[in-house]
Amino acid sequence: MPLDSVTPRPPKDIPIIFSEAMVRAELADLKTQTRRLATSPLAKVQPGDRLWVRENFQLLSWGDYEVTRYQPCDVRYAATDTLAKADREIRGYPWRPSIHMPRWASRITLIVEGVRFQRLQDISEFDARAEGAELCANGWWFDRNPILAGSDARGAFYCLWNSLHDKPGERWEDNPEIVALTFAVHRSNIDKLTAEVAHA
C-alpha cells in the first residue's frame, strides 16, 4: 500500500511527566522541545497529539480523587508554589508525586508540532536552547543551577541529561537513540482548552 494512502490516526491525549524545573521553563516560554529515549511510550507520539503535563502537586481539600473530581478543590503546584519548601507541609496536605496527578488537575497542555528520531548527541545548539536552557554569566544553564551549566546550551544539556540518565546505554556518552518532540505550550487544562477551541 502506498504510504500516502495510509489514513493518519486521530490525535491522542497522552500524559507526560516533567520535573519542577522543566515546568518552570515551559511557563517561562523557554521550553518547546523535550527528548526521551526511543524506548519510551512517547516514541509513538505523532504531530497533533496533545500532551497533558503531570507535575508534583498538592490538593487542598479532604477526600480522595473520586471525591475531588466532582468537588473542585484548590490545587497547588510544587514548581511555582510561593511558600518555601520547608513551610509547605504546614498546610497539612501531603505533596503528591507527578505520576499520580489526575487529568483534571493538570494546568499545562502541549500540542505536538514535530517528531524526530535521532541520536542524542545530534542535538544542535538551537535545539538545546529549546529544551529550556537560559543564559547565565558564564554561558548557559538549566533552572539556574551551576551544576547544570555549560559554555554553550548544548554543553548544559549534556549535564542535564546525565543528571537524569545514569544507566549504561542511556547516558550521553552512550549516544542512545531518542525521540525529539517539538510542541506549542498552552497554559490551560486539556479539557478546558478543548472547550475554548470549541467556542472560539
Protein backbone atom coordinates (compact mmCIF):
# COMPACT_ATOMS: atom_id res chain seq x y z
CA MET A 1 0.00 0.00 0.00
CA PRO A 2 1.46 3.42 -0.93
CA LEU A 3 2.49 5.47 2.09
CA ASP A 4 0.35 8.42 1.02
CA SER A 5 -2.77 6.23 1.11
CA VAL A 6 -2.40 5.46 4.83
CA THR A 7 -5.04 7.32 6.83
CA PRO A 8 -3.45 9.13 9.81
CA ARG A 9 -4.94 8.19 13.16
CA PRO A 10 -6.96 10.75 15.13
CA PRO A 11 -4.94 12.85 17.60
CA LYS A 12 -4.46 11.30 21.03
CA ASP A 13 -4.38 12.79 24.52
CA ILE A 14 -1.32 11.50 26.37
CA PRO A 15 0.05 12.28 29.85
CA ILE A 16 3.69 13.36 30.16
CA ILE A 17 5.75 13.89 33.30
CA PHE A 18 8.03 16.89 33.76
CA SER A 19 10.27 17.92 36.67
CA GLU A 20 9.61 21.15 38.52
CA ALA A 21 12.48 22.81 36.65
CA MET A 22 11.09 21.88 33.24
CA VAL A 23 7.58 23.03 34.21
CA ARG A 24 9.01 26.42 35.13
CA ALA A 25 10.83 26.54 31.79
CA GLU A 26 7.58 25.83 29.92
CA LEU A 27 5.72 28.52 31.84
CA ALA A 28 8.54 30.99 31.07
CA ASP A 29 8.30 30.24 27.33
CA LEU A 30 11.81 28.77 27.37
CA LYS A 31 10.97 25.13 26.66
CA THR A 32 9.38 23.98 23.41
CA GLN A 33 11.18 20.65 23.00
CA THR A 34 11.76 17.50 25.00
CA ARG A 35 13.87 14.44 24.34
CA ARG A 36 13.01 10.96 25.56
CA LEU A 37 14.59 7.58 24.94
CA ALA A 38 13.33 5.88 21.78
CA THR A 39 12.14 3.01 24.01
CA SER A 40 9.72 5.38 25.78
CA PRO A 41 5.99 5.12 25.07
CA LEU A 42 6.31 8.74 23.92
CA ALA A 43 8.12 7.46 20.84
CA LYS A 44 4.65 6.69 19.45
CA VAL A 45 3.53 10.32 19.66
CA GLN A 46 2.54 11.99 16.40
CA PRO A 47 2.09 15.64 15.37
CA GLY A 48 -1.30 16.87 16.53
CA ASP A 49 -1.30 14.77 19.69
CA ARG A 50 -1.95 16.65 22.93
CA LEU A 51 0.25 16.04 25.96
CA TRP A 52 -1.16 16.97 29.35
CA VAL A 53 1.59 17.71 31.82
CA ARG A 54 1.85 15.85 35.10
CA GLU A 55 3.83 17.57 37.85
CA ASN A 56 4.24 17.40 41.63
CA PHE A 57 1.12 18.80 43.25
CA GLN A 58 -0.97 19.21 46.37
CA LEU A 59 -4.76 19.08 46.80
CA LEU A 60 -6.09 21.49 49.40
CA SER A 61 -9.25 19.54 50.08
CA TRP A 62 -10.14 16.44 52.06
CA GLY A 63 -11.14 13.30 50.26
CA ASP A 64 -9.77 11.04 47.60
CA TYR A 65 -9.50 11.65 43.88
CA GLU A 66 -13.01 10.35 43.20
CA VAL A 67 -14.43 12.91 45.60
CA THR A 68 -12.33 15.86 44.45
CA ARG A 69 -13.06 15.05 40.83
CA TYR A 70 -16.64 16.11 41.45
CA GLN A 71 -15.92 18.62 44.20
CA PRO A 72 -13.37 21.08 42.79
CA CYS A 73 -10.58 21.92 45.19
CA ASP A 74 -7.59 24.22 45.25
CA VAL A 75 -4.58 22.67 43.54
CA ARG A 76 -1.07 23.83 44.40
CA TYR A 77 1.89 23.08 42.15
CA ALA A 78 5.34 22.49 43.60
CA ALA A 79 7.08 24.13 40.62
CA THR A 80 5.54 27.53 41.34
CA ASP A 81 4.42 27.33 44.97
CA THR A 82 5.24 30.61 46.71
CA LEU A 83 5.88 29.07 50.13
CA ALA A 84 9.39 27.93 50.99
CA LYS A 85 9.74 24.17 50.73
CA ALA A 86 10.24 23.87 54.48
CA ASP A 87 6.90 25.60 55.08
CA ARG A 88 4.76 23.79 52.52
CA GLU A 89 3.75 20.91 54.80
CA ILE A 90 2.28 23.44 57.27
CA ARG A 91 -0.92 23.36 55.22
CA GLY A 92 -1.46 19.79 56.38
CA TYR A 93 -1.90 18.32 52.91
CA PRO A 94 0.67 15.89 51.51
CA TRP A 95 2.59 16.62 48.36
CA ARG A 96 1.82 14.06 45.69
CA PRO A 97 4.26 12.87 43.02
CA SER A 98 3.58 13.79 39.41
CA ILE A 99 2.73 10.22 38.40
CA HIS A 100 -0.46 10.49 40.48
CA MET A 101 -1.72 13.78 39.04
CA PRO A 102 -5.22 13.31 37.61
CA ARG A 103 -6.06 14.79 34.24
CA TRP A 104 -8.44 17.39 35.68
CA ALA A 105 -5.69 18.89 37.88
CA SER A 106 -3.21 19.46 35.03
CA ARG A 107 -2.63 23.11 34.11
CA ILE A 108 -0.40 22.79 31.01
CA THR A 109 -1.20 21.24 27.63
CA LEU A 110 1.40 20.71 24.90
CA ILE A 111 0.35 20.39 21.26
CA VAL A 112 2.91 18.29 19.39
CA GLU A 113 4.18 20.00 16.24
CA GLY A 114 7.12 17.78 15.28
CA VAL A 115 8.57 14.35 15.97
CA ARG A 116 12.16 13.38 15.09
CA PHE A 117 14.23 10.29 15.80
CA GLN A 118 17.95 10.86 16.16
CA ARG A 119 20.97 10.05 18.27
CA LEU A 120 21.22 12.03 21.49
CA GLN A 121 24.47 13.76 20.56
CA ASP A 122 22.93 15.04 17.32
CA ILE A 123 21.18 17.78 19.30
CA SER A 124 22.03 21.22 17.91
CA GLU A 125 22.73 24.38 19.86
CA PHE A 126 19.34 25.74 18.78
CA ASP A 127 17.57 22.61 19.99
CA ALA A 128 19.43 22.63 23.30
CA ARG A 129 18.16 26.16 23.91
CA ALA A 130 14.63 25.00 23.03
CA GLU A 131 14.99 22.36 25.76
CA GLY A 132 14.79 25.22 28.27
CA ALA A 133 18.36 26.44 28.67
CA GLU A 134 18.88 30.01 29.91
CA LEU A 135 21.76 32.44 29.51
CA CYS A 136 23.96 32.88 32.57
CA ALA A 137 27.15 34.81 33.34
CA ASN A 138 29.46 32.09 32.01
CA GLY A 139 27.34 30.55 29.28
CA TRP A 140 24.10 28.60 29.64
CA TRP A 141 22.36 26.65 32.38
CA PHE A 142 19.15 24.88 33.31
CA ASP A 143 16.98 26.01 36.23
CA ARG A 144 19.71 28.49 37.24
CA ASN A 145 21.70 25.57 38.61
CA PRO A 146 25.52 25.83 38.29
CA ILE A 147 25.73 22.03 38.22
CA LEU A 148 23.63 22.05 35.03
CA ALA A 149 25.72 24.65 33.21
CA GLY A 150 27.98 24.76 30.17
CA SER A 151 29.81 27.23 27.97
CA ASP A 152 27.02 26.70 25.43
CA ALA A 153 23.45 25.38 25.69
CA ARG A 154 24.47 22.03 24.23
CA GLY A 155 27.04 21.56 26.99
CA ALA A 156 24.45 22.47 29.62
CA PHE A 157 22.05 19.95 28.10
CA TYR A 158 24.76 17.27 28.39
CA CYS A 159 24.87 17.98 32.14
CA LEU A 160 21.08 17.93 32.41
CA TRP A 161 20.73 14.66 30.51
CA ASN A 162 23.33 12.84 32.59
CA SER A 163 21.73 14.11 35.80
CA LEU A 164 18.59 12.23 34.75
CA HIS A 165 20.05 9.20 32.98
CA ASP A 166 22.82 7.26 34.72
CA LYS A 167 22.12 3.73 33.42
CA PRO A 168 24.52 2.19 30.90
CA GLY A 169 23.13 2.63 27.41
CA GLU A 170 21.16 5.75 28.36
CA ARG A 171 23.95 8.22 29.18
CA TRP A 172 25.23 11.00 26.95
CA GLU A 173 28.42 9.10 26.23
CA ASP A 174 26.37 6.08 25.08
CA ASN A 175 24.64 8.28 22.47
CA PRO A 176 21.30 6.41 22.62
CA GLU A 177 18.56 6.80 20.04
CA ILE A 178 15.97 9.29 21.24
CA VAL A 179 12.73 10.86 20.09
CA ALA A 180 12.70 14.67 19.98
CA LEU A 181 9.28 16.27 20.36
CA THR A 182 8.62 19.89 19.44
CA PHE A 183 5.46 21.41 20.88
CA ALA A 184 3.43 24.56 21.48
CA VAL A 185 2.76 25.32 25.14
CA HIS A 186 -0.77 26.17 26.27
CA ARG A 187 -1.28 27.29 29.87
CA SER A 188 -4.59 25.51 30.16
CA ASN A 189 -6.07 22.24 31.32
CA ILE A 190 -6.51 19.96 28.32
CA ASP A 191 -10.29 19.74 28.71
CA LYS A 192 -10.67 23.48 29.21
CA LEU A 193 -8.52 24.02 26.12
CA THR A 194 -10.90 21.82 24.14
CA ALA A 195 -13.85 23.86 25.34
CA GLU A 196 -12.09 27.15 24.49
CA VAL A 197 -11.37 25.95 20.95
CA ALA A 198 -14.97 24.79 20.53
CA HIS A 199 -16.29 28.23 21.47
CA ALA A 200 -13.69 30.22 19.52
